[in-house]
Amino acid sequence: MSIFLRNPNLFKCFRQTADMSSIKFFPVQNLGSESLIKVRFFSVGRRGGRTAGSRVVARVMPVTKERRSLKEILMQPTSGAPFAIGSSAVAGASLFGIGALCYYGLGMSNTAGTFENAYAWPKYVRDRVRDTYLYFGSGLGITAASAVAAFRSPVVMNLVTKTSFTGILLTIGAMIGTSILAQSIPYKEGFGAKQLAWALHCGVVGAVIAPLCILGGPLMMRAAVYTAGIAGGLSAIAYCAPNDKFLNIGGPLAIGLGFVFAASMGSMFLAPTTALGSSLYSISLYGGLLLFSAFLLYDTQRIIRKAETHSPYSMQRYDPVNASISIYMDVINIFVRLVTILAGGGSGSKRR
């Protein structure tokens, strides 16, 4: 007969309560408090069977734990490490950004930055940069107004809050489709077809993020202020750094975007309370925040380079609308992730 006990202390209690005065026990050394042990009972006596002189012996043996499968490891409850690593990475990147701003802002770099080169810009370059940021700011205003209007419309909220796979595909398709439409129309000054398609795209983005308004106005305002601070600081770094400092990170950013997109899709089907789900969710949340912050540096310098190098005599005019959409989407992605973090999506409450 054999008995399995999880805790060796239970075996001591078993010895004290069992009415087996003739049992002999073999002690087992170095058993942990949570070790699994096997107690095996057998009789020892003369050959041919048990006699009056035989005795019962209990042998205690440690049992090796079974190796868990990969699925069990990935689907076990999360320890919270992915969220701690993500928040630490964001904190480290913030310190790095402050250091970069001080380094380039104080003119410690040996190469002249965009700020110094801007004094030599001709008027048309200044106008291009100004128009790009005017469209950028106007797009954010249209998005905010659209989000408020959509939040007050039950019909629109019913459409954008569908969690089915088809609803998610339609939402993503609407944003991508309107973006492609706006960028495919040739640019002309004034309010024309391109500006109308651009406004439609900003309105669709506002409707998609409208469900965030349920978190409350104060939290949304805090996230907006933090987003403005991040965008302003990163733009200042890109403006003070040399012209081509961040233009060579486009390839790594594209690879990172693929990882974040895959993690975002995976986190939609896995609960963030599991080890794998929390890792994917942390990559999508904190990794996405770092990624789009880096994209903002890259896109800012790309806009400046395009404004400087695009010939004023070219058949194709400089397009401030297309240039503004890139930094517009960077800021939107930063804002959405900050709202999620401030709402507790990246804290321990998400894992409970």
Protein backbone atom coordinates (compact mmCIF):
# COMPACT_ATOMS: atom_id res chain seq x y z
CA MET A 1 0.00 0.00 0.00
CA SER A 2 1.25 3.51 -0.89
CA ILE A 3 0.13 7.00 0.21
CA PHE A 4 1.17 10.29 -1.43
CA LEU A 5 1.53 13.36 0.79
CA ARG A 6 2.26 16.92 -0.43
CA ASN A 7 3.81 18.19 2.82
CA PRO A 8 6.25 16.11 4.93
CA ASN A 9 4.72 17.66 8.07
CA LEU A 10 1.51 15.82 7.26
CA PHE A 11 3.47 12.57 7.49
CA LYS A 12 4.44 13.43 11.07
CA CYS A 13 0.77 13.93 11.94
CA PHE A 14 -0.02 10.63 10.25
CA ARG A 15 2.54 8.89 12.43
CA GLN A 16 1.03 10.35 15.58
CA THR A 17 -2.59 9.50 14.80
CA ALA A 18 -2.33 6.11 13.05
CA ASP A 19 -2.70 3.06 15.27
CA MET A 20 0.38 1.25 13.95
CA SER A 21 2.68 0.79 16.89
CA SER A 22 4.70 -1.90 15.11
CA ILE A 23 5.56 0.29 12.06
CA LYS A 24 9.20 1.22 11.56
CA PHE A 25 9.86 4.57 9.81
CA PHE A 26 12.83 5.47 7.63
CA PRO A 27 13.56 9.23 7.81
CA VAL A 28 14.17 11.17 4.59
CA GLN A 29 16.57 14.13 4.73
CA ASN A 30 16.39 17.50 2.85
CA LEU A 31 12.68 17.47 2.12
CA GLY A 32 11.24 20.93 1.43
CA SER A 33 8.04 22.14 3.04
CA GLU A 34 6.19 21.71 -0.25
CA SER A 35 7.80 18.47 -1.43
CA LEU A 36 5.68 15.59 -2.64
CA ILE A 37 6.53 12.38 -0.74
CA LYS A 38 5.41 8.79 -1.14
CA VAL A 39 4.78 6.61 1.91
CA ARG A 40 4.88 2.91 1.07
CA PHE A 41 3.87 0.23 3.58
CA PHE A 42 5.08 -3.37 3.32
CA SER A 43 5.61 -6.26 5.69
CA VAL A 44 8.93 -7.78 6.60
CA GLY A 45 8.98 -11.33 8.01
CA ARG A 46 9.76 -14.92 7.30
CA ARG A 47 9.69 -16.29 3.75
CA GLY A 48 6.34 -17.70 2.73
CA GLY A 49 4.08 -15.05 4.12
CA ARG A 50 3.43 -12.94 7.16
CA THR A 51 3.81 -14.60 10.51
CA ALA A 52 3.47 -13.45 14.06
CA GLY A 53 7.07 -12.33 14.03
CA SER A 54 6.76 -10.14 10.98
CA ARG A 55 6.53 -6.36 11.14
CA VAL A 56 5.11 -3.53 8.98
CA VAL A 57 7.64 -1.10 7.52
CA ALA A 58 6.86 2.38 6.12
CA ARG A 59 9.36 3.71 3.60
CA VAL A 60 9.27 7.45 2.83
CA MET A 61 10.48 8.45 -0.63
CA PRO A 62 10.51 11.86 -2.34
CA VAL A 63 8.62 11.98 -5.62
CA THR A 64 9.97 14.02 -8.53
CA LYS A 65 7.52 16.62 -9.78
CA GLU A 66 6.13 16.15 -13.28
CA ARG A 67 7.55 18.46 -15.94
CA ARG A 68 4.98 21.01 -17.08
CA SER A 69 4.20 21.40 -20.75
CA LEU A 70 4.87 24.60 -22.69
CA LYS A 71 1.14 25.31 -22.84
CA GLU A 72 0.84 25.07 -19.05
CA ILE A 73 3.76 27.46 -18.60
CA LEU A 74 2.36 30.04 -21.05
CA MET A 75 -1.20 29.86 -19.74
CA GLN A 76 -0.35 29.97 -16.05
CA PRO A 77 -1.37 33.11 -14.08
CA THR A 78 0.93 36.04 -14.73
CA SER A 79 3.46 37.09 -12.15
CA GLY A 80 3.24 40.75 -13.18
CA ALA A 81 6.80 40.84 -14.48
CA PRO A 82 5.83 41.93 -18.05
CA PHE A 83 4.09 45.04 -16.73
CA ALA A 84 6.98 45.88 -14.40
CA ILE A 85 9.47 45.49 -17.25
CA GLY A 86 7.32 47.64 -19.54
CA SER A 87 6.94 50.47 -17.05
CA SER A 88 10.68 50.36 -16.31
CA ALA A 89 11.45 50.58 -20.03
CA VAL A 90 9.21 53.65 -20.37
CA ALA A 91 10.88 55.27 -17.36
CA GLY A 92 14.32 54.59 -18.82
CA ALA A 93 13.30 55.98 -22.20
CA SER A 94 11.98 59.12 -20.48
CA LEU A 95 15.33 59.70 -18.80
CA PHE A 96 17.09 59.10 -22.11
CA GLY A 97 14.80 61.64 -23.79
CA ILE A 98 15.51 64.27 -21.15
CA GLY A 99 19.22 63.67 -21.55
CA ALA A 100 18.98 63.94 -25.35
CA LEU A 101 17.01 67.17 -25.08
CA CYS A 102 19.64 68.67 -22.78
CA TYR A 103 22.48 67.42 -24.97
CA TYR A 104 21.15 68.81 -28.25
CA GLY A 105 19.33 71.78 -26.73
CA LEU A 106 22.48 73.11 -25.09
CA GLY A 107 24.42 72.79 -28.34
CA MET A 108 26.80 70.12 -27.07
CA SER A 109 26.73 68.26 -30.39
CA ASN A 110 29.54 68.97 -32.85
CA THR A 111 27.09 69.01 -35.79
CA ALA A 112 24.72 71.89 -36.41
CA GLY A 113 21.11 71.04 -35.64
CA THR A 114 17.91 71.83 -37.48
CA PHE A 115 17.40 74.82 -35.22
CA GLU A 116 20.59 76.45 -36.51
CA ASN A 117 19.88 75.50 -40.13
CA ALA A 118 16.38 76.99 -39.94
CA TYR A 119 17.81 80.50 -40.08
CA ALA A 120 18.95 79.80 -43.65
CA TRP A 121 15.60 78.40 -44.81
CA PRO A 122 13.96 80.19 -47.73
CA LYS A 123 10.40 81.37 -47.25
CA TYR A 124 8.80 78.45 -49.08
CA VAL A 125 10.43 75.95 -46.70
CA ARG A 126 9.09 77.84 -43.70
CA ASP A 127 5.64 77.92 -45.30
CA ARG A 128 5.73 74.17 -45.92
CA VAL A 129 6.63 73.35 -42.32
CA ARG A 130 4.01 75.82 -41.05
CA ASP A 131 1.24 74.37 -43.25
CA THR A 132 2.12 70.83 -42.22
CA TYR A 133 1.73 71.62 -38.54
CA LEU A 134 -1.44 73.61 -39.18
CA TYR A 135 -3.01 70.52 -40.74
CA PHE A 136 -1.64 68.45 -37.86
CA GLY A 137 -3.24 70.66 -35.21
CA SER A 138 -6.49 70.98 -37.16
CA GLY A 139 -6.65 67.20 -37.53
CA LEU A 140 -6.37 66.73 -33.78
CA GLY A 141 -9.16 69.27 -33.27
CA ILE A 142 -11.43 67.47 -35.74
CA THR A 143 -10.66 64.16 -34.04
CA ALA A 144 -11.55 65.52 -30.60
CA ALA A 145 -14.83 67.01 -31.85
CA SER A 146 -15.68 63.78 -33.67
CA ALA A 147 -14.98 61.68 -30.58
CA VAL A 148 -17.30 63.80 -28.43
CA ALA A 149 -20.06 63.72 -31.06
CA ALA A 150 -19.72 59.96 -31.56
CA PHE A 151 -19.79 59.34 -27.80
CA ARG A 152 -23.15 61.08 -27.60
CA SER A 153 -24.60 59.02 -30.46
CA PRO A 154 -25.87 55.55 -29.43
CA VAL A 155 -25.86 54.40 -33.06
CA VAL A 156 -22.20 55.25 -33.61
CA MET A 157 -21.18 53.83 -30.24
CA ASN A 158 -22.95 50.58 -31.06
CA LEU A 159 -20.92 50.32 -34.27
CA VAL A 160 -17.48 51.10 -32.82
CA THR A 161 -17.84 48.99 -29.66
CA LYS A 162 -18.48 45.68 -31.40
CA THR A 163 -15.92 43.15 -30.20
CA SER A 164 -16.49 40.57 -32.94
CA PHE A 165 -13.66 39.82 -35.35
CA THR A 166 -15.72 41.24 -38.22
CA GLY A 167 -16.36 44.47 -36.35
CA ILE A 168 -12.68 44.89 -35.56
CA LEU A 169 -11.73 44.33 -39.21
CA LEU A 170 -14.31 46.88 -40.35
CA THR A 171 -12.98 49.44 -37.88
CA ILE A 172 -9.37 48.95 -38.95
CA GLY A 173 -10.42 48.91 -42.60
CA ALA A 174 -12.29 52.21 -42.24
CA MET A 175 -9.25 53.96 -40.78
CA ILE A 176 -6.83 52.54 -43.33
CA GLY A 177 -9.22 53.11 -46.23
CA THR A 178 -9.88 56.76 -45.45
CA SER A 179 -6.15 57.34 -44.91
CA ILE A 180 -5.31 55.86 -48.32
CA LEU A 181 -8.08 57.89 -49.92
CA ALA A 182 -6.85 61.15 -48.39
CA GLN A 183 -3.24 60.53 -49.41
CA SER A 184 -4.07 59.44 -52.96
CA ILE A 185 -5.78 62.70 -53.98
CA PRO A 186 -3.41 65.37 -55.40
CA TYR A 187 -2.93 68.38 -53.15
CA LYS A 188 -4.38 71.76 -54.07
CA GLU A 189 -4.53 74.86 -51.93
CA GLY A 190 -7.85 75.75 -50.39
CA PHE A 191 -10.60 73.37 -49.25
CA GLY A 192 -11.10 70.73 -51.92
CA ALA A 193 -11.53 67.00 -52.32
CA LYS A 194 -8.26 66.18 -50.57
CA GLN A 195 -9.07 68.32 -47.56
CA LEU A 196 -12.54 66.73 -47.39
CA ALA A 197 -11.07 63.21 -47.44
CA TRP A 198 -8.53 64.26 -44.81
CA ALA A 199 -11.31 65.59 -42.56
CA LEU A 200 -13.24 62.34 -43.09
CA HIS A 201 -10.21 60.34 -41.99
CA CYS A 202 -9.78 62.44 -38.84
CA GLY A 203 -13.49 62.04 -38.10
CA VAL A 204 -13.33 58.26 -38.45
CA VAL A 205 -10.34 58.10 -36.09
CA GLY A 206 -12.27 60.22 -33.59
CA ALA A 207 -15.26 57.88 -33.78
CA VAL A 208 -13.03 54.83 -33.24
CA ILE A 209 -11.46 56.24 -30.05
CA ALA A 210 -14.80 57.64 -28.79
CA PRO A 211 -15.38 54.70 -26.37
CA LEU A 212 -12.41 55.98 -24.35
CA CYS A 213 -14.60 58.90 -23.27
CA ILE A 214 -16.42 56.57 -20.91
CA LEU A 215 -13.36 56.80 -18.64
CA GLY A 216 -14.26 60.38 -17.85
CA GLY A 217 -13.23 63.87 -18.85
CA PRO A 218 -10.56 64.44 -16.15
CA LEU A 219 -8.63 61.33 -17.14
CA MET A 220 -8.88 62.20 -20.84
CA MET A 221 -7.60 65.70 -20.14
CA ARG A 222 -4.67 64.34 -18.15
CA ALA A 223 -3.79 62.00 -21.00
CA ALA A 224 -4.08 64.88 -23.48
CA VAL A 225 -1.74 67.05 -21.39
CA TYR A 226 0.78 64.22 -21.04
CA THR A 227 0.56 63.55 -24.78
CA ALA A 228 1.18 67.21 -25.53
CA GLY A 229 4.21 67.16 -23.25
CA ILE A 230 5.64 64.04 -24.89
CA ALA A 231 4.98 65.31 -28.41
CA GLY A 232 6.44 68.71 -27.60
CA GLY A 233 9.55 67.24 -26.01
CA LEU A 234 10.19 64.79 -28.84
CA SER A 235 9.62 67.49 -31.46
CA ALA A 236 12.11 69.71 -29.64
CA ILE A 237 14.67 66.88 -29.66
CA ALA A 238 14.16 66.31 -33.40
CA TYR A 239 14.36 70.07 -34.03
CA CYS A 240 17.58 70.54 -32.06
CA ALA A 241 19.31 67.37 -33.31
CA PRO A 242 21.22 67.21 -36.61
CA ASN A 243 19.02 66.91 -39.70
CA ASP A 244 19.67 63.24 -40.38
CA LYS A 245 20.13 62.00 -36.81
CA PHE A 246 16.90 59.96 -36.69
CA LEU A 247 16.35 59.35 -40.40
CA ASN A 248 18.33 56.10 -40.35
CA ILE A 249 16.05 54.31 -37.88
CA GLY A 250 13.21 53.75 -40.34
CA GLY A 251 14.09 50.07 -40.88
CA PRO A 252 14.21 49.08 -37.20
CA LEU A 253 11.00 51.03 -36.59
CA ALA A 254 9.22 49.10 -39.35
CA ILE A 255 10.33 45.81 -37.76
CA GLY A 256 9.18 47.03 -34.35
CA LEU A 257 5.83 48.02 -35.81
CA GLY A 258 5.37 44.46 -37.05
CA PHE A 259 6.08 43.06 -33.58
CA VAL A 260 3.71 45.50 -31.88
CA PHE A 261 0.96 44.80 -34.41
CA ALA A 262 1.33 41.04 -33.92
CA ALA A 263 1.28 41.48 -30.14
CA SER A 264 -1.83 43.65 -30.37
CA MET A 265 -3.63 41.03 -32.45
CA GLY A 266 -2.56 38.26 -30.09
CA SER A 267 -3.65 40.15 -26.97
CA MET A 268 -7.16 40.40 -28.42
CA PHE A 269 -7.60 36.63 -28.07
CA LEU A 270 -5.60 35.93 -24.89
CA ALA A 271 -6.56 37.08 -21.41
CA PRO A 272 -4.03 39.50 -19.86
CA THR A 273 -4.18 37.44 -16.65
CA THR A 274 -2.12 34.65 -18.25
CA ALA A 275 1.65 34.69 -18.65
CA LEU A 276 1.53 34.81 -22.45
CA GLY A 277 -1.41 37.22 -22.59
CA SER A 278 0.21 39.67 -20.17
CA SER A 279 3.46 39.59 -22.16
CA LEU A 280 1.67 40.37 -25.43
CA TYR A 281 -0.44 43.05 -23.76
CA SER A 282 2.66 44.68 -22.26
CA ILE A 283 4.40 44.69 -25.65
CA SER A 284 1.34 46.26 -27.26
CA LEU A 285 0.95 48.88 -24.52
CA TYR A 286 4.43 49.89 -23.37
CA GLY A 287 6.25 48.73 -26.48
CA GLY A 288 3.78 50.63 -28.62
CA LEU A 289 4.28 53.77 -26.54
CA LEU A 290 8.04 53.61 -27.04
CA LEU A 291 7.70 52.71 -30.71
CA PHE A 292 5.42 55.58 -31.68
CA SER A 293 7.52 57.99 -29.66
CA ALA A 294 10.49 56.95 -31.79
CA PHE A 295 8.30 57.23 -34.89
CA LEU A 296 7.54 60.83 -33.92
CA LEU A 297 11.26 61.63 -33.92
CA TYR A 298 11.69 59.95 -37.30
CA ASP A 299 8.61 61.51 -38.93
CA THR A 300 9.43 65.00 -37.64
CA GLN A 301 12.85 64.97 -39.25
CA ARG A 302 11.41 63.36 -42.38
CA ILE A 303 8.95 66.25 -42.72
CA ILE A 304 11.75 68.78 -42.37
CA ARG A 305 13.93 66.93 -44.89
CA LYS A 306 11.04 66.74 -47.37
CA ALA A 307 10.27 70.44 -46.96
CA GLU A 308 13.92 71.33 -47.56
CA THR A 309 14.61 69.07 -50.54
CA HIS A 310 11.33 69.09 -52.50
CA SER A 311 11.90 71.33 -55.50
CA PRO A 312 9.52 74.30 -55.82
CA TYR A 313 9.59 73.75 -59.60
CA SER A 314 8.51 70.12 -59.44
CA MET A 315 5.35 69.05 -61.29
CA GLN A 316 4.14 67.43 -58.08
CA ARG A 317 3.59 69.99 -55.37
CA TYR A 318 4.67 69.59 -51.78
CA ASP A 319 1.79 67.95 -49.88
CA PRO A 320 1.42 69.19 -46.29
CA VAL A 321 -1.66 67.01 -45.76
CA ASN A 322 0.20 63.75 -46.42
CA ALA A 323 3.13 64.97 -44.35
CA SER A 324 0.88 65.77 -41.38
CA ILE A 325 -0.90 62.39 -41.33
CA SER A 326 2.24 60.56 -40.18
CA ILE A 327 2.85 62.64 -37.05
CA TYR A 328 -0.92 62.82 -36.49
CA MET A 329 -1.17 59.02 -36.22
CA ASP A 330 1.94 58.92 -34.01
CA VAL A 331 0.33 61.28 -31.51
CA ILE A 332 -3.02 59.43 -31.63
CA ASN A 333 -1.31 56.13 -30.81
CA ILE A 334 0.63 57.74 -27.96
CA PHE A 335 -2.57 59.27 -26.58
CA VAL A 336 -4.53 55.99 -26.67
CA ARG A 337 -1.80 54.14 -24.79
CA LEU A 338 -1.47 56.86 -22.18
CA VAL A 339 -5.23 56.73 -21.58
CA THR A 340 -5.00 52.97 -21.09
CA ILE A 341 -2.08 53.28 -18.66
CA LEU A 342 -3.76 56.04 -16.65
CA ALA A 343 -6.97 54.01 -16.49
CA GLY A 344 -5.07 51.16 -14.86
CA GLY A 345 -4.69 48.95 -17.92
CA GLY A 346 -0.99 48.55 -17.26
CA SER A 347 -1.19 48.10 -13.49
CA GLY A 348 -1.78 45.18 -11.24
CA SER A 349 -5.57 45.70 -11.36
CA LYS A 350 -5.54 44.35 -14.89
CA ARG A 351 -4.13 41.07 -13.69
CA ARG A 352 -6.65 40.40 -10.95
